[in-house]
Protein backbone atom coordinates (compact mmCIF):
# COMPACT_ATOMS: atom_id res chain seq x y z
CA UNK A 1 -85.72 80.86 85.31
CA UNK A 2 -82.93 80.49 82.86
CA UNK A 3 -80.63 79.71 85.78
CA UNK A 4 -83.00 77.01 86.99
CA UNK A 5 -83.14 75.46 83.53
CA UNK A 6 -79.38 75.69 83.29
CA UNK A 7 -79.03 73.96 86.68
CA UNK A 8 -81.45 71.25 85.55
CA UNK A 9 -79.42 70.78 82.37
CA UNK A 10 -76.22 70.48 84.41
CA UNK A 11 -77.91 68.01 86.76
CA UNK A 12 -79.25 66.03 83.80
CA UNK A 13 -75.83 66.03 82.17
CA UNK A 14 -74.21 64.82 85.41
CA UNK A 15 -76.89 62.19 85.78
CA UNK A 16 -76.42 61.11 82.15
CA UNK A 17 -72.66 61.02 82.66
CA UNK A 18 -73.01 58.81 85.75
CA UNK A 19 -75.49 56.56 83.94
CA UNK A 20 -73.16 56.29 80.94
CA UNK A 21 -70.25 55.43 83.23
CA UNK A 22 -72.35 52.81 85.02
CA UNK A 23 -73.54 51.44 81.68
CA UNK A 24 -69.95 51.32 80.33
CA UNK A 25 -68.76 49.73 83.59
CA UNK A 26 -71.52 47.06 83.37
CA UNK A 27 -70.69 46.44 79.70
CA UNK A 28 -66.98 46.07 80.56
CA UNK A 29 -67.78 43.61 83.37
CA UNK A 30 -70.02 41.60 81.04
CA UNK A 31 -67.31 41.60 78.37
CA UNK A 32 -64.74 40.43 80.96
CA UNK A 33 -67.13 37.69 82.08
CA UNK A 34 -67.63 36.56 78.47
CA UNK A 35 -63.84 36.39 77.92
CA UNK A 36 -63.44 34.42 81.17
CA UNK A 37 -66.15 31.98 80.09
CA UNK A 38 -64.45 31.59 76.67
CA UNK A 39 -61.12 30.79 78.37
CA UNK A 40 -62.82 28.34 80.74
CA UNK A 41 -64.62 26.64 77.84
CA UNK A 42 -61.32 26.23 75.97
CA UNK A 43 -59.57 25.00 79.11
CA UNK A 44 -62.36 22.52 79.85
CA UNK A 45 -62.30 21.29 76.26
CA UNK A 46 -58.53 20.73 76.38
CA UNK A 47 -58.81 18.90 79.72
CA UNK A 48 -61.65 16.66 78.54
CA UNK A 49 -59.93 16.05 75.20
CA UNK A 50 -56.86 14.82 77.08
CA UNK A 51 -59.02 12.56 79.25
CA UNK A 52 -60.75 11.23 76.13
CA UNK A 53 -57.38 10.44 74.57
CA UNK A 54 -56.32 8.54 77.72
CA UNK A 55 -59.60 6.63 77.78
CA UNK A 56 -59.16 5.72 74.12
CA UNK A 57 -55.56 4.62 74.75
CA UNK A 58 -56.60 2.49 77.75
CA UNK A 59 -59.43 0.93 75.74
CA UNK A 60 -57.02 0.06 72.92
CA UNK A 61 -54.59 -1.47 75.42
CA UNK A 62 -57.40 -3.57 76.92
CA UNK A 63 -58.53 -4.68 73.45
CA UNK A 64 -54.95 -5.56 72.56
CA UNK A 65 -54.56 -7.49 75.84
CA UNK A 66 -57.81 -9.37 75.19
CA UNK A 67 -56.79 -10.17 71.62
CA UNK A 68 -53.38 -11.39 72.82
CA UNK A 69 -55.05 -13.58 75.44
CA UNK A 70 -57.42 -14.99 72.82
CA UNK A 71 -54.51 -15.71 70.46
CA UNK A 72 -52.66 -17.40 73.32
CA UNK A 73 -55.68 -19.55 74.14
CA UNK A 74 -56.10 -20.47 70.50
CA UNK A 75 -52.42 -21.38 70.30
CA UNK A 76 -52.65 -23.55 73.41
CA UNK A 77 -55.76 -25.23 72.00
CA UNK A 78 -53.97 -25.89 68.73
CA UNK A 79 -50.96 -27.28 70.60
CA UNK A 80 -53.19 -29.55 72.70
CA UNK A 81 -54.92 -30.76 69.54
CA UNK A 82 -51.58 -31.55 67.92
CA UNK A 83 -50.39 -33.36 71.05
CA UNK A 84 -53.60 -35.46 71.09
CA UNK A 85 -53.18 -36.22 67.39
CA UNK A 86 -49.55 -37.29 68.00
CA UNK A 87 -50.65 -39.64 70.82
CA UNK A 88 -53.39 -41.12 68.64
CA UNK A 89 -50.87 -41.62 65.81
CA UNK A 90 -48.46 -43.38 68.15
CA UNK A 91 -51.31 -45.59 69.45
CA UNK A 92 -52.29 -46.32 65.85
CA UNK A 93 -48.71 -47.32 65.07
CA UNK A 94 -48.64 -49.54 68.18
CA UNK A 95 -51.89 -51.25 67.15
CA UNK A 96 -50.62 -51.67 63.60
CA UNK A 97 -47.36 -53.23 64.81
CA UNK A 98 -48.98 -55.54 67.38
CA UNK A 99 -48.85 -59.23 66.50
CA UNK A 100 -52.25 -60.67 67.50
CA UNK A 101 -50.95 -64.22 67.51
CA UNK A 102 -48.29 -63.21 70.05
CA UNK A 103 -50.91 -61.41 72.22
CA UNK A 104 -53.16 -64.49 72.09
CA UNK A 105 -50.26 -66.76 73.00
CA UNK A 106 -49.21 -64.50 75.94
CA UNK A 107 -52.81 -64.46 77.23
CA UNK A 108 -53.07 -68.25 76.97
CA UNK A 109 -49.75 -68.64 78.83
CA UNK A 110 -50.93 -66.36 81.66
CA UNK A 111 -54.22 -68.22 81.95
CA UNK A 112 -52.40 -71.58 82.09
CA UNK A 113 -49.85 -70.32 84.64
CA UNK A 114 -52.34 -68.43 86.92
CA UNK A 115 -55.84 -69.91 86.52
CA UNK A 116 -56.98 -68.77 89.99
CA UNK A 117 -56.03 -65.16 89.30
CA UNK A 118 -57.88 -65.24 85.97
CA UNK A 119 -61.07 -66.66 87.55
CA UNK A 120 -60.91 -64.07 90.38
CA UNK A 121 -60.34 -61.24 87.88
CA UNK A 122 -63.25 -62.40 85.71
CA UNK A 123 -65.50 -62.66 88.77
CA UNK A 124 -64.52 -59.18 89.93
CA UNK A 125 -65.13 -57.73 86.46
CA UNK A 126 -68.56 -59.43 86.33
CA UNK A 127 -69.45 -58.06 89.76
CA UNK A 128 -68.47 -54.49 88.79
CA UNK A 129 -70.38 -54.67 85.49
CA UNK A 130 -73.41 -56.06 87.32
CA UNK A 131 -73.33 -53.26 89.88
CA UNK A 132 -73.02 -50.61 87.17
CA UNK A 133 -75.87 -52.02 85.10
CA UNK A 134 -78.04 -52.54 88.19
CA UNK A 135 -77.68 -48.88 89.22
CA UNK A 136 -78.64 -47.60 85.80
CA UNK A 137 -81.87 -49.57 85.66
């Protein structure tokens, strides 16, 4: 019986040894998998961080482009305003320098020299004004 117990102990020891090896092997595989996942997580983070930096850079470029376009539009608006103001000033100077007696005399001379043209022009102006007023009513 002692031999049978000894054989059982040897079998149990062999079984325990195989189980321990399998357990150690499984633990090693799990450890390797954890290290792989850590490396992949770091790699993914670096990749996404780079993409985020590029997105941020592109967004800043777009914002800068939009701001530049807005500044350009504001500048063109300012320039157009100054050009309009210059034209109004020159018209103001023209009105200020105009001699009304001379304008009245030139008009009287034209009327005396071309009375038919003046009557036709007045009739045409009256007709146009009448048509415009008639359509609005």
